[in-house]
Amino acid sequence: MKRLILPGLVLFSSLANAQAPTWADDVACIVYSHCTSCHHVGGISGEALDLTTYSAAFYAREDMAGYTAQRVMPPWPPDPNYRRLAHERTLSQDEIDIIAAWAAADGPQGDLANAPPVPVYTENVVITDPDITAIMEPYTIPVSTSDLYRCFVLPINNTTDHFIKRLEVIPGNRAVVHHVLVFQDTSGQAQVLDAADPGVGYTNFGGIGVEEAPLVGIWVPGSDVLSTPTGMGIKLLAGADLVIQVHYPAGSGPQVDSTSIRIEFDNGGFTRDIAIAAALEHTYTLTNGPLVILPNQVKTFHSQYTVPLPVTITAIGPHAHLICTSMKSWAITPTNDSIPLIDIPDWDFHWQGMYQFRNPIYLPAGTVLHGEATYDNTVDNLQNPNHDNPQLVYLGESTTNEMMLFYFAYTYGFASDVNIVVDNSEHSPHHVGCTTDFNIGVEERATAQAIRISPIPASDRLNVFCEGNGNRLRLIDPQGREVMGMILYNGDNSLDVTALSRGSLFAEVRDAHGTILHRSPLLLQ
């Protein structure tokens, strides 16, 4: 069995009684910078996962250590080792280690007078002086056991073509709005579809049900305001309606939402028009189609498209559904240079976005865009909606169908565009008021007790590497019951888990005194 080493799963028991980080001085800053935009009351995570207070974070400290160590949280599906992208939602290894050491020391509070100010999440907006504000009529989400994709027409009085410089989506109810796609429609067809539905808006999956309605923006949890690079903008056509498609997850109702859009125009000089289109898609550019995945089949599809003119691409947005397991895109220039664009090795339908490049990428005419996606229609894929009895899956707009799209934001290209800076930060900025200077030095890392668990997910055997003798491993079910355990010895340990039921568990390691050294999620498949 291939051994998977997760370097993040290191907890620092040697620091518990020495210089353990505290919430006030070290951890709050990290949480406020990277976590609470979702994990606050009214946020996408819901009230149960509010991390704005010490007491709440203390209660969740072990989960915080486990999920951040595995880089499950904060959610950032693209692999930064393939290509660095703008505004990455990632933690540095130092930040992960600080959370781990804090949890291992049982979450000391510290002097709260030293803590950074708690972020306030209100209806405050980033674009305070918009050229256009559009608000959807309040909509009561019905009680449903299935996902709802509802479209709303937002008429605007735009009598002249303008270039969008910044676009901000403000979810009216962050607890239930999963994502928002923003289109413009000059045909009036969306208004016809809206009038035909007796309720507010109309339901349509995959888009807004209107041909040739350009996509102009997207919002997902954690998104920043959409900004275009210098000298570029998204053209908003005269007479267009804004139409938003809002995804409400199953079980969202009954709640009310009234999402709004704020737009700031580019009033500068020469501006190049940025368009957003799926240059790589699942019909005409698919090289080994059709997009059909048989029951009990794992299949990889490839798509390619030759760029006819020089273009500059500023962002990329992969899209697929539930049984997709990975998506990757790259470009090959006429001189045979390979340009990595994006790699999402563990596809998650619930975390999709339009990812901006740190610098625009210039592609000369004749460059070939490539896209690759793998689909797992077997019982091994727990995201398969027909996990127990895999069914034929084919191209379609239903969640149980599949898609393979790579959206690109692009404009006519100049080689000098690569000098435009969108984001050159080494790491995302800290919360205002953060003065964290705690650091786990090289010597401390070398003497820290390491615990590594692999593979994740596991099937027949679980491998546990542990420094030191006498620690005890416990496997705990979601109800808190121990279902298996063993004493760990220094080095590699192996545990047969074939007799256990498949599903989610927690792996917990305690020392001889009962102190928790490690706790992390575990999945048996």
Protein backbone atom coordinates (compact mmCIF):
# COMPACT_ATOMS: atom_id res chain seq x y z
CA MET A 1 0.00 0.00 0.00
CA LYS A 2 1.27 3.44 -0.90
CA ARG A 3 2.27 5.37 2.20
CA LEU A 4 0.96 8.92 2.47
CA ILE A 5 2.89 11.22 4.76
CA LEU A 6 1.06 14.32 5.87
CA PRO A 7 3.72 16.65 7.27
CA GLY A 8 1.04 18.93 8.66
CA LEU A 9 -0.13 16.29 11.14
CA VAL A 10 2.51 17.19 13.70
CA LEU A 11 1.47 18.24 17.18
CA PHE A 12 3.91 19.75 19.57
CA SER A 13 3.58 18.04 22.94
CA SER A 14 7.03 19.23 23.94
CA LEU A 15 5.71 22.80 23.77
CA ALA A 16 2.66 22.18 25.94
CA ASN A 17 4.50 23.05 29.14
CA ALA A 18 7.08 25.39 27.58
CA GLN A 19 6.22 28.22 25.23
CA ALA A 20 2.81 27.18 24.03
CA PRO A 21 1.06 29.78 21.88
CA THR A 22 -2.06 31.40 23.27
CA TRP A 23 -5.33 32.43 21.70
CA ALA A 24 -4.87 36.11 22.50
CA ASP A 25 -1.27 36.50 21.37
CA ASP A 26 -0.96 34.01 18.52
CA VAL A 27 -4.03 32.10 17.36
CA ALA A 28 -6.82 34.69 17.19
CA CYS A 29 -4.90 36.61 14.56
CA ILE A 30 -4.71 33.55 12.31
CA VAL A 31 -8.36 32.65 12.80
CA TYR A 32 -9.58 36.21 12.18
CA SER A 33 -7.44 36.45 9.04
CA HIS A 34 -8.34 33.15 7.43
CA CYS A 35 -11.36 31.52 9.07
CA THR A 36 -14.04 33.83 10.38
CA SER A 37 -15.09 35.22 6.99
CA CYS A 38 -17.07 31.96 6.82
CA HIS A 39 -17.09 30.88 10.47
CA HIS A 40 -19.20 33.59 12.09
CA VAL A 41 -22.84 33.93 13.03
CA GLY A 42 -24.69 34.42 9.76
CA GLY A 43 -21.75 33.10 7.75
CA ILE A 44 -21.80 30.21 5.31
CA SER A 45 -20.77 27.77 8.04
CA GLY A 46 -23.80 28.59 10.17
CA GLU A 47 -24.01 29.66 13.81
CA ALA A 48 -22.74 26.29 15.09
CA LEU A 49 -19.25 27.02 13.72
CA ASP A 50 -18.76 30.60 14.90
CA LEU A 51 -15.04 31.04 15.65
CA THR A 52 -15.04 34.73 16.57
CA THR A 53 -14.78 34.04 20.33
CA TYR A 54 -12.18 32.25 22.41
CA SER A 55 -14.77 29.94 24.01
CA ALA A 56 -16.02 28.74 20.63
CA ALA A 57 -12.51 28.23 19.26
CA PHE A 58 -11.46 26.41 22.45
CA TYR A 59 -14.34 23.98 22.02
CA ALA A 60 -13.28 23.34 18.39
CA ARG A 61 -9.51 23.41 18.97
CA GLU A 62 -8.84 19.76 18.14
CA ASP A 63 -10.89 19.88 14.96
CA MET A 64 -9.14 23.11 13.99
CA ALA A 65 -5.76 21.42 14.38
CA GLY A 66 -6.82 18.34 12.42
CA TYR A 67 -8.49 20.09 9.52
CA THR A 68 -5.80 22.72 9.09
CA ALA A 69 -3.03 20.13 9.31
CA GLN A 70 -4.61 18.22 6.44
CA ARG A 71 -5.19 21.53 4.60
CA VAL A 72 -8.89 20.79 4.36
CA MET A 73 -9.46 24.20 5.93
CA PRO A 74 -9.42 26.90 4.81
CA PRO A 75 -10.81 25.47 1.57
CA TRP A 76 -8.52 26.16 -1.38
CA PRO A 77 -8.80 23.36 -3.95
CA PRO A 78 -6.06 24.49 -6.43
CA ASP A 79 -2.60 23.03 -5.88
CA PRO A 80 -0.24 25.99 -5.18
CA ASN A 81 2.73 23.82 -6.14
CA TYR A 82 1.37 23.62 -9.71
CA ARG A 83 0.69 27.35 -10.05
CA ARG A 84 0.43 30.15 -7.51
CA LEU A 85 -2.83 32.07 -7.91
CA ALA A 86 -4.01 35.46 -6.71
CA HIS A 87 -5.59 35.89 -3.27
CA GLU A 88 -5.01 32.31 -2.14
CA ARG A 89 -6.97 31.17 0.92
CA THR A 90 -4.16 29.15 2.46
CA LEU A 91 -2.30 28.92 5.74
CA SER A 92 1.46 28.96 5.94
CA GLN A 93 3.13 25.99 7.59
CA ASP A 94 4.04 28.23 10.53
CA GLU A 95 0.36 29.13 11.02
CA ILE A 96 -0.64 25.46 10.86
CA ASP A 97 2.04 24.59 13.40
CA ILE A 98 0.92 27.35 15.76
CA ILE A 99 -2.67 26.07 15.75
CA ALA A 100 -1.40 22.53 16.31
CA ALA A 101 0.81 23.57 19.24
CA TRP A 102 -2.03 25.61 20.77
CA ALA A 103 -4.44 22.66 20.56
CA ALA A 104 -1.81 20.26 21.96
CA ALA A 105 -1.36 22.59 24.95
CA ASP A 106 -5.14 22.44 25.57
CA GLY A 107 -5.86 25.84 24.03
CA PRO A 108 -4.51 28.42 26.52
CA GLN A 109 -6.39 31.72 26.44
CA GLY A 110 -3.65 34.23 27.27
CA ASP A 111 -4.37 37.84 28.12
CA LEU A 112 -7.40 38.87 26.07
CA ALA A 113 -6.24 42.47 26.27
CA ASN A 114 -3.52 41.47 23.81
CA ALA A 115 -5.96 39.92 21.32
CA PRO A 116 -6.63 41.67 18.00
CA PRO A 117 -10.07 43.25 17.60
CA VAL A 118 -12.84 40.82 16.75
CA PRO A 119 -13.87 41.28 13.10
CA VAL A 120 -17.36 42.69 12.67
CA TYR A 121 -19.50 41.14 9.94
CA THR A 122 -22.34 43.44 8.97
CA GLU A 123 -23.93 44.60 5.77
CA ASN A 124 -20.92 46.84 5.15
CA VAL A 125 -19.72 46.76 1.58
CA VAL A 126 -16.39 47.22 -0.17
CA ILE A 127 -17.64 49.29 -3.12
CA THR A 128 -19.06 52.22 -1.17
CA ASP A 129 -19.74 54.50 -4.14
CA PRO A 130 -21.05 52.20 -6.89
CA ASP A 131 -22.12 53.33 -10.34
CA ILE A 132 -24.84 50.66 -10.30
CA THR A 133 -26.61 48.96 -7.41
CA ALA A 134 -29.07 46.14 -8.18
CA ILE A 135 -31.03 44.28 -5.51
CA MET A 136 -33.20 41.22 -6.05
CA GLU A 137 -36.74 41.13 -4.68
CA PRO A 138 -36.80 39.23 -1.35
CA TYR A 139 -37.22 35.51 -2.01
CA THR A 140 -38.42 32.94 0.51
CA ILE A 141 -36.50 29.71 -0.06
CA PRO A 142 -38.86 26.71 0.10
CA VAL A 143 -38.20 23.69 2.27
CA SER A 144 -36.51 21.15 0.02
CA THR A 145 -34.30 18.07 0.23
CA SER A 146 -32.59 18.95 -3.06
CA ASP A 147 -30.36 21.80 -4.21
CA LEU A 148 -32.13 24.81 -5.73
CA TYR A 149 -30.72 26.96 -8.55
CA ARG A 150 -32.90 30.07 -8.73
CA CYS A 151 -32.48 32.90 -11.26
CA PHE A 152 -33.44 36.52 -10.62
CA VAL A 153 -33.65 39.38 -13.14
CA LEU A 154 -32.23 42.67 -11.89
CA PRO A 155 -33.19 45.44 -14.35
CA ILE A 156 -30.72 48.32 -14.42
CA ASN A 157 -30.90 51.67 -16.12
CA ASN A 158 -27.69 51.38 -18.15
CA THR A 159 -28.17 53.41 -21.33
CA THR A 160 -24.53 53.34 -22.50
CA ASP A 161 -21.84 50.69 -22.83
CA HIS A 162 -19.51 50.76 -19.83
CA PHE A 163 -16.53 48.74 -18.65
CA ILE A 164 -16.83 47.06 -15.26
CA LYS A 165 -13.75 47.71 -13.16
CA ARG A 166 -15.00 46.12 -9.96
CA LEU A 167 -18.04 43.94 -9.24
CA GLU A 168 -19.21 43.00 -5.75
CA VAL A 169 -21.79 40.35 -4.94
CA ILE A 170 -23.40 40.80 -1.52
CA PRO A 171 -25.32 37.68 -0.47
CA GLY A 172 -28.50 38.67 1.30
CA ASN A 173 -28.33 35.60 3.54
CA ARG A 174 -24.80 34.19 3.79
CA ALA A 175 -26.01 31.20 5.78
CA VAL A 176 -27.88 29.80 2.77
CA VAL A 177 -26.28 31.33 -0.35
CA HIS A 178 -23.72 28.83 -1.62
CA HIS A 179 -22.65 30.63 -4.79
CA VAL A 180 -23.85 33.31 -7.22
CA LEU A 181 -23.27 33.53 -10.98
CA VAL A 182 -23.82 36.95 -12.60
CA PHE A 183 -24.87 37.21 -16.27
CA GLN A 184 -25.99 40.03 -18.55
CA ASP A 185 -28.94 39.58 -20.93
CA THR A 186 -29.74 41.98 -23.76
CA SER A 187 -32.42 39.75 -25.33
CA GLY A 188 -35.15 40.14 -22.70
CA GLN A 189 -35.56 36.33 -22.60
CA ALA A 190 -34.76 36.16 -18.89
CA GLN A 191 -37.63 38.55 -18.19
CA VAL A 192 -39.93 36.25 -20.19
CA LEU A 193 -38.82 33.22 -18.14
CA ASP A 194 -39.31 35.20 -14.96
CA ALA A 195 -42.82 36.29 -15.95
CA ALA A 196 -43.77 32.66 -16.70
CA ASP A 197 -42.93 31.60 -13.13
CA PRO A 198 -45.53 32.64 -10.50
CA GLY A 199 -42.91 33.13 -7.80
CA VAL A 200 -40.01 35.51 -7.43
CA GLY A 201 -37.46 34.55 -10.07
CA TYR A 202 -37.37 31.21 -11.90
CA THR A 203 -35.52 27.91 -11.53
CA ASN A 204 -32.79 26.85 -13.96
CA PHE A 205 -29.71 24.71 -13.45
CA GLY A 206 -26.39 25.29 -15.21
CA GLY A 207 -27.09 28.85 -16.31
CA ILE A 208 -30.00 31.24 -16.72
CA GLY A 209 -31.66 29.45 -19.63
CA VAL A 210 -30.79 32.17 -22.14
CA GLU A 211 -28.54 31.62 -25.16
CA GLU A 212 -25.68 34.08 -25.62
CA ALA A 213 -25.98 35.58 -22.13
CA PRO A 214 -22.37 36.39 -21.14
CA LEU A 215 -21.10 35.54 -17.68
CA VAL A 216 -19.70 38.67 -16.01
CA GLY A 217 -19.01 37.58 -12.45
CA ILE A 218 -19.07 34.88 -9.79
CA TRP A 219 -19.23 34.78 -5.99
CA VAL A 220 -18.32 31.86 -3.73
CA PRO A 221 -17.68 31.86 0.04
CA GLY A 222 -14.46 33.68 0.77
CA SER A 223 -14.46 35.55 -2.54
CA ASP A 224 -13.00 39.01 -2.83
CA VAL A 225 -14.52 41.75 -4.93
CA LEU A 226 -13.98 40.90 -8.61
CA SER A 227 -11.41 43.36 -9.98
CA THR A 228 -9.99 43.54 -13.48
CA PRO A 229 -6.30 44.24 -14.20
CA THR A 230 -5.14 47.70 -15.17
CA GLY A 231 -6.32 48.71 -18.65
CA MET A 232 -8.90 45.89 -18.84
CA GLY A 233 -12.60 45.68 -18.03
CA ILE A 234 -15.75 43.60 -18.56
CA LYS A 235 -18.08 45.38 -20.97
CA LEU A 236 -21.59 45.93 -19.64
CA LEU A 237 -23.79 46.49 -22.67
CA ALA A 238 -26.35 49.26 -22.95
CA GLY A 239 -29.87 48.02 -22.20
CA ALA A 240 -28.70 44.78 -20.55
CA ASP A 241 -30.43 43.20 -17.58
CA LEU A 242 -28.29 41.71 -14.86
CA VAL A 243 -29.42 38.16 -14.14
CA ILE A 244 -28.09 36.22 -11.17
CA GLN A 245 -28.29 32.49 -10.60
CA VAL A 246 -28.17 31.71 -6.88
CA HIS A 247 -27.45 28.23 -5.52
CA TYR A 248 -29.32 27.37 -2.32
CA PRO A 249 -28.16 24.03 -0.87
CA ALA A 250 -30.63 21.34 0.15
CA GLY A 251 -32.25 22.12 3.49
CA SER A 252 -31.78 25.90 3.19
CA GLY A 253 -35.43 26.82 3.58
CA PRO A 254 -37.50 28.34 4.88
CA GLN A 255 -35.32 31.46 4.92
CA VAL A 256 -35.36 34.75 3.05
CA ASP A 257 -32.64 36.01 0.72
CA SER A 258 -32.19 39.31 -1.09
CA THR A 259 -28.79 39.26 -2.78
CA SER A 260 -27.48 42.46 -4.35
CA ILE A 261 -24.84 43.51 -6.88
CA ARG A 262 -22.62 46.61 -6.80
CA ILE A 263 -20.66 47.70 -9.86
CA GLU A 264 -17.93 50.29 -10.30
CA PHE A 265 -17.11 51.43 -13.83
CA ASP A 266 -13.68 52.07 -15.32
CA ASN A 267 -13.71 55.72 -16.31
CA GLY A 268 -10.10 55.78 -17.47
CA GLY A 269 -8.68 55.86 -20.98
CA PHE A 270 -8.17 52.94 -23.34
CA THR A 271 -9.69 49.76 -21.93
CA ARG A 272 -9.56 46.29 -23.39
CA ASP A 273 -12.72 44.20 -23.16
CA ILE A 274 -12.44 41.09 -21.01
CA ALA A 275 -14.78 38.27 -21.97
CA ILE A 276 -15.53 35.13 -19.96
CA ALA A 277 -16.13 31.95 -21.97
CA ALA A 278 -15.64 28.18 -21.70
CA ALA A 279 -12.90 27.78 -24.30
CA LEU A 280 -12.49 24.18 -23.14
CA GLU A 281 -15.83 22.40 -22.92
CA HIS A 282 -17.49 19.00 -23.02
CA THR A 283 -18.78 18.86 -26.61
CA TYR A 284 -16.83 20.46 -29.45
CA THR A 285 -13.36 20.55 -27.88
CA LEU A 286 -13.54 17.11 -26.22
CA THR A 287 -11.03 14.80 -27.90
CA ASN A 288 -12.25 11.47 -26.51
CA GLY A 289 -15.97 12.10 -26.02
CA PRO A 290 -18.82 11.77 -25.61
CA LEU A 291 -18.89 12.60 -21.92
CA VAL A 292 -20.34 9.29 -20.75
CA ILE A 293 -19.14 7.37 -17.69
CA LEU A 294 -20.36 3.80 -17.38
CA PRO A 295 -21.29 2.25 -14.03
CA ASN A 296 -18.20 1.08 -12.10
CA GLN A 297 -15.91 3.00 -14.46
CA VAL A 298 -13.13 5.50 -13.78
CA LYS A 299 -12.45 7.56 -16.89
CA THR A 300 -10.32 10.57 -17.81
CA PHE A 301 -11.44 12.97 -20.55
CA HIS A 302 -9.29 15.45 -22.44
CA SER A 303 -10.25 18.69 -24.16
CA GLN A 304 -8.13 21.02 -26.28
CA TYR A 305 -8.53 24.27 -28.19
CA THR A 306 -6.10 26.21 -30.38
CA VAL A 307 -6.03 29.95 -29.73
CA PRO A 308 -6.47 31.71 -33.13
CA LEU A 309 -5.25 35.14 -32.00
CA PRO A 310 -2.84 36.35 -29.33
CA VAL A 311 -4.73 36.51 -26.05
CA THR A 312 -4.07 37.40 -22.47
CA ILE A 313 -5.88 35.33 -19.87
CA THR A 314 -6.53 36.80 -16.43
CA ALA A 315 -8.52 34.05 -14.69
CA ILE A 316 -9.67 30.44 -15.02
CA GLY A 317 -12.74 28.65 -13.64
CA PRO A 318 -13.05 24.85 -13.88
CA HIS A 319 -16.55 23.39 -13.53
CA ALA A 320 -17.86 19.84 -13.07
CA HIS A 321 -20.34 17.97 -10.89
CA LEU A 322 -20.34 15.25 -8.26
CA ILE A 323 -18.41 12.25 -9.59
CA CYS A 324 -15.50 14.34 -10.90
CA THR A 325 -12.36 13.72 -8.83
CA SER A 326 -9.76 16.01 -10.44
CA MET A 327 -9.43 18.83 -13.01
CA LYS A 328 -6.28 20.21 -14.59
CA SER A 329 -5.46 22.69 -17.34
CA TRP A 330 -2.27 23.79 -19.09
CA ALA A 331 -1.18 25.43 -22.34
CA ILE A 332 1.44 24.52 -24.96
CA THR A 333 2.83 27.44 -27.00
CA PRO A 334 3.92 27.21 -30.67
CA THR A 335 7.52 26.98 -29.41
CA ASN A 336 6.51 23.96 -27.31
CA ASP A 337 6.71 25.73 -23.95
CA SER A 338 4.35 24.28 -21.35
CA ILE A 339 2.44 26.78 -19.19
CA PRO A 340 0.69 25.35 -16.08
CA LEU A 341 -2.68 27.02 -15.48
CA ILE A 342 -4.50 25.19 -12.68
CA ASP A 343 -4.55 21.79 -11.00
CA ILE A 344 -7.31 20.71 -8.64
CA PRO A 345 -6.25 17.20 -7.57
CA ASP A 346 -9.22 16.64 -5.23
CA TRP A 347 -12.27 18.08 -6.94
CA ASP A 348 -15.08 19.26 -4.67
CA PHE A 349 -18.39 20.25 -6.26
CA HIS A 350 -19.17 22.50 -3.30
CA TRP A 351 -16.05 24.66 -3.68
CA GLN A 352 -15.82 26.14 -7.16
CA GLY A 353 -14.62 29.53 -8.25
CA MET A 354 -13.10 31.81 -10.85
CA TYR A 355 -9.42 31.91 -9.95
CA GLN A 356 -7.35 34.96 -10.92
CA PHE A 357 -3.71 34.69 -11.96
CA ARG A 358 -1.12 36.64 -9.97
CA ASN A 359 0.00 38.16 -13.27
CA PRO A 360 -1.95 37.95 -16.54
CA ILE A 361 -0.71 35.16 -18.81
CA TYR A 362 0.08 35.94 -22.46
CA LEU A 363 -0.64 33.21 -25.02
CA PRO A 364 0.59 33.78 -28.59
CA ALA A 365 -1.58 32.76 -31.55
CA GLY A 366 -1.39 29.01 -32.12
CA THR A 367 -1.13 28.16 -28.41
CA VAL A 368 -3.06 24.99 -27.56
CA LEU A 369 -5.14 25.00 -24.38
CA HIS A 370 -5.52 21.62 -22.70
CA GLY A 371 -8.01 20.46 -20.10
CA GLU A 372 -8.22 17.14 -18.32
CA ALA A 373 -10.79 15.77 -15.89
CA THR A 374 -11.19 12.39 -14.21
CA TYR A 375 -14.53 10.91 -13.17
CA ASP A 376 -15.04 8.05 -10.71
CA ASN A 377 -18.40 6.30 -11.14
CA THR A 378 -17.67 3.48 -8.68
CA VAL A 379 -18.61 2.55 -5.14
CA ASP A 380 -15.22 3.90 -4.01
CA ASN A 381 -16.31 7.48 -4.73
CA LEU A 382 -18.29 8.59 -1.68
CA GLN A 383 -19.46 11.72 -3.58
CA ASN A 384 -21.20 9.50 -6.13
CA PRO A 385 -24.95 10.12 -5.62
CA ASN A 386 -25.50 6.46 -6.56
CA HIS A 387 -22.68 5.22 -4.39
CA ASP A 388 -24.33 1.91 -3.49
CA ASN A 389 -25.43 1.15 -7.04
CA PRO A 390 -23.56 3.22 -9.67
CA GLN A 391 -25.68 4.32 -12.63
CA LEU A 392 -24.87 5.51 -16.14
CA VAL A 393 -23.73 9.15 -16.01
CA TYR A 394 -23.78 11.40 -19.07
CA LEU A 395 -23.62 15.05 -20.06
CA GLY A 396 -26.40 17.20 -18.63
CA GLU A 397 -27.35 20.05 -16.32
CA SER A 398 -28.74 17.99 -13.45
CA THR A 399 -26.47 17.56 -10.44
CA THR A 400 -26.48 13.82 -11.10
CA ASN A 401 -25.33 14.39 -14.71
CA GLU A 402 -21.81 15.62 -15.47
CA MET A 403 -20.05 18.53 -17.13
CA MET A 404 -16.47 19.41 -18.06
CA LEU A 405 -15.89 23.14 -18.51
CA PHE A 406 -12.90 25.45 -18.15
CA TYR A 407 -13.98 29.10 -18.18
CA PHE A 408 -11.36 31.68 -19.12
CA ALA A 409 -11.37 35.44 -18.62
CA TYR A 410 -9.49 36.74 -21.65
CA THR A 411 -8.76 39.74 -23.85
CA TYR A 412 -6.66 40.56 -26.90
CA GLY A 413 -3.11 39.95 -25.76
CA PHE A 414 0.15 41.84 -25.67
CA ALA A 415 3.36 40.19 -24.50
CA SER A 416 3.92 43.02 -22.02
CA ASP A 417 0.73 42.07 -20.13
CA VAL A 418 2.76 39.64 -18.02
CA ASN A 419 4.26 42.67 -16.25
CA ILE A 420 0.87 43.67 -14.79
CA VAL A 421 0.74 42.76 -11.10
CA VAL A 422 -2.54 41.47 -9.67
CA ASP A 423 -1.13 39.93 -6.48
CA ASN A 424 2.52 39.63 -5.54
CA SER A 425 2.09 38.87 -1.84
CA GLU A 426 3.91 35.85 -0.50
CA HIS A 427 0.98 35.11 1.80
CA SER A 428 -2.48 36.53 2.37
CA PRO A 429 -2.47 39.53 4.75
CA HIS A 430 -3.18 39.28 8.45
CA HIS A 431 -6.23 40.69 10.15
CA VAL A 432 -5.92 44.36 11.08
CA GLY A 433 -4.39 44.61 14.53
CA CYS A 434 -2.56 41.29 14.31
CA THR A 435 0.86 41.44 15.93
CA THR A 436 1.58 37.72 16.14
CA ASP A 437 5.29 37.03 16.40
CA PHE A 438 5.16 33.49 17.80
CA ASN A 439 7.28 31.16 15.74
CA ILE A 440 8.28 27.54 16.09
CA GLY A 441 11.99 27.56 15.31
CA VAL A 442 14.05 24.94 13.56
CA GLU A 443 15.40 23.41 16.76
CA GLU A 444 11.92 23.20 18.27
CA ARG A 445 10.59 21.48 15.13
CA ALA A 446 13.38 18.93 15.36
CA THR A 447 12.57 18.02 18.98
CA ALA A 448 8.78 18.10 18.66
CA GLN A 449 6.94 14.82 18.92
CA ALA A 450 5.57 13.84 15.50
CA ILE A 451 2.47 11.79 14.77
CA ARG A 452 1.60 10.97 11.18
CA ILE A 453 -1.36 8.91 10.01
CA SER A 454 -1.74 7.41 6.54
CA PRO A 455 -3.32 6.69 4.16
CA ILE A 456 -6.28 9.08 4.18
CA PRO A 457 -8.76 7.72 3.24
CA ALA A 458 -7.87 4.24 4.48
CA SER A 459 -9.24 0.87 3.43
CA ASP A 460 -7.67 -2.24 5.00
CA ARG A 461 -4.75 -0.98 7.10
CA LEU A 462 -3.91 2.24 8.91
CA ASN A 463 -0.26 3.29 9.26
CA VAL A 464 0.71 5.43 12.25
CA PHE A 465 4.16 6.91 12.69
CA CYS A 466 4.85 8.05 16.25
CA GLU A 467 7.93 9.39 18.00
CA GLY A 468 8.18 7.84 21.46
CA ASN A 469 6.79 4.74 23.18
CA GLY A 470 3.63 4.23 25.20
CA ASN A 471 1.19 6.58 23.47
CA ARG A 472 -2.26 5.18 22.76
CA LEU A 473 -4.24 5.43 19.51
CA ARG A 474 -8.06 5.51 19.68
CA LEU A 475 -10.41 5.40 16.69
CA ILE A 476 -13.64 7.18 17.62
CA ASP A 477 -16.97 7.16 15.78
CA PRO A 478 -19.12 10.31 15.29
CA GLN A 479 -21.03 9.47 18.49
CA GLY A 480 -17.82 9.62 20.51
CA ARG A 481 -17.48 5.85 21.02
CA GLU A 482 -14.10 4.14 20.75
CA VAL A 483 -14.33 1.46 18.06
CA MET A 484 -10.67 0.35 18.06
CA GLY A 485 -7.41 1.19 19.80
CA MET A 486 -3.77 0.19 20.22
CA ILE A 487 -0.57 1.10 22.07
CA LEU A 488 1.94 2.86 19.81
CA TYR A 489 5.67 2.22 19.75
CA ASN A 490 8.41 4.48 18.44
CA GLY A 491 8.43 4.43 14.64
CA ASP A 492 5.91 2.84 12.29
CA ASN A 493 2.80 1.10 13.61
CA SER A 494 0.15 -0.75 11.57
CA LEU A 495 -3.49 -1.37 12.45
CA ASP A 496 -5.88 -3.73 10.63
CA VAL A 497 -9.18 -1.82 10.13
CA THR A 498 -10.94 -4.20 7.74
CA ALA A 499 -13.48 -5.19 10.43
CA LEU A 500 -14.66 -1.61 10.97
CA SER A 501 -17.69 -0.09 9.26
CA ARG A 502 -16.90 2.27 6.41
CA GLY A 503 -17.41 5.97 7.06
CA SER A 504 -16.06 8.90 9.06
CA LEU A 505 -14.05 8.50 12.28
CA PHE A 506 -11.63 10.50 14.39
CA ALA A 507 -8.09 9.32 15.09
CA GLU A 508 -6.92 10.36 18.56
CA VAL A 509 -3.54 9.82 20.23
CA ARG A 510 -3.00 10.38 23.98
CA ASP A 511 0.13 10.05 26.07
CA ALA A 512 0.45 7.92 29.20
CA HIS A 513 -1.02 10.75 31.31
CA GLY A 514 -4.11 11.04 29.11
CA THR A 515 -3.08 14.31 27.42
CA ILE A 516 -4.32 14.55 23.85
CA LEU A 517 -1.35 14.76 21.48
CA HIS A 518 -3.25 14.47 18.22
CA ARG A 519 -6.81 14.36 16.90
CA SER A 520 -7.82 14.46 13.25
CA PRO A 521 -10.63 13.32 10.93
CA LEU A 522 -10.28 9.91 9.28
CA LEU A 523 -12.24 8.30 6.48
CA LEU A 524 -12.59 4.54 5.89
CA GLN A 525 -13.55 3.47 2.38
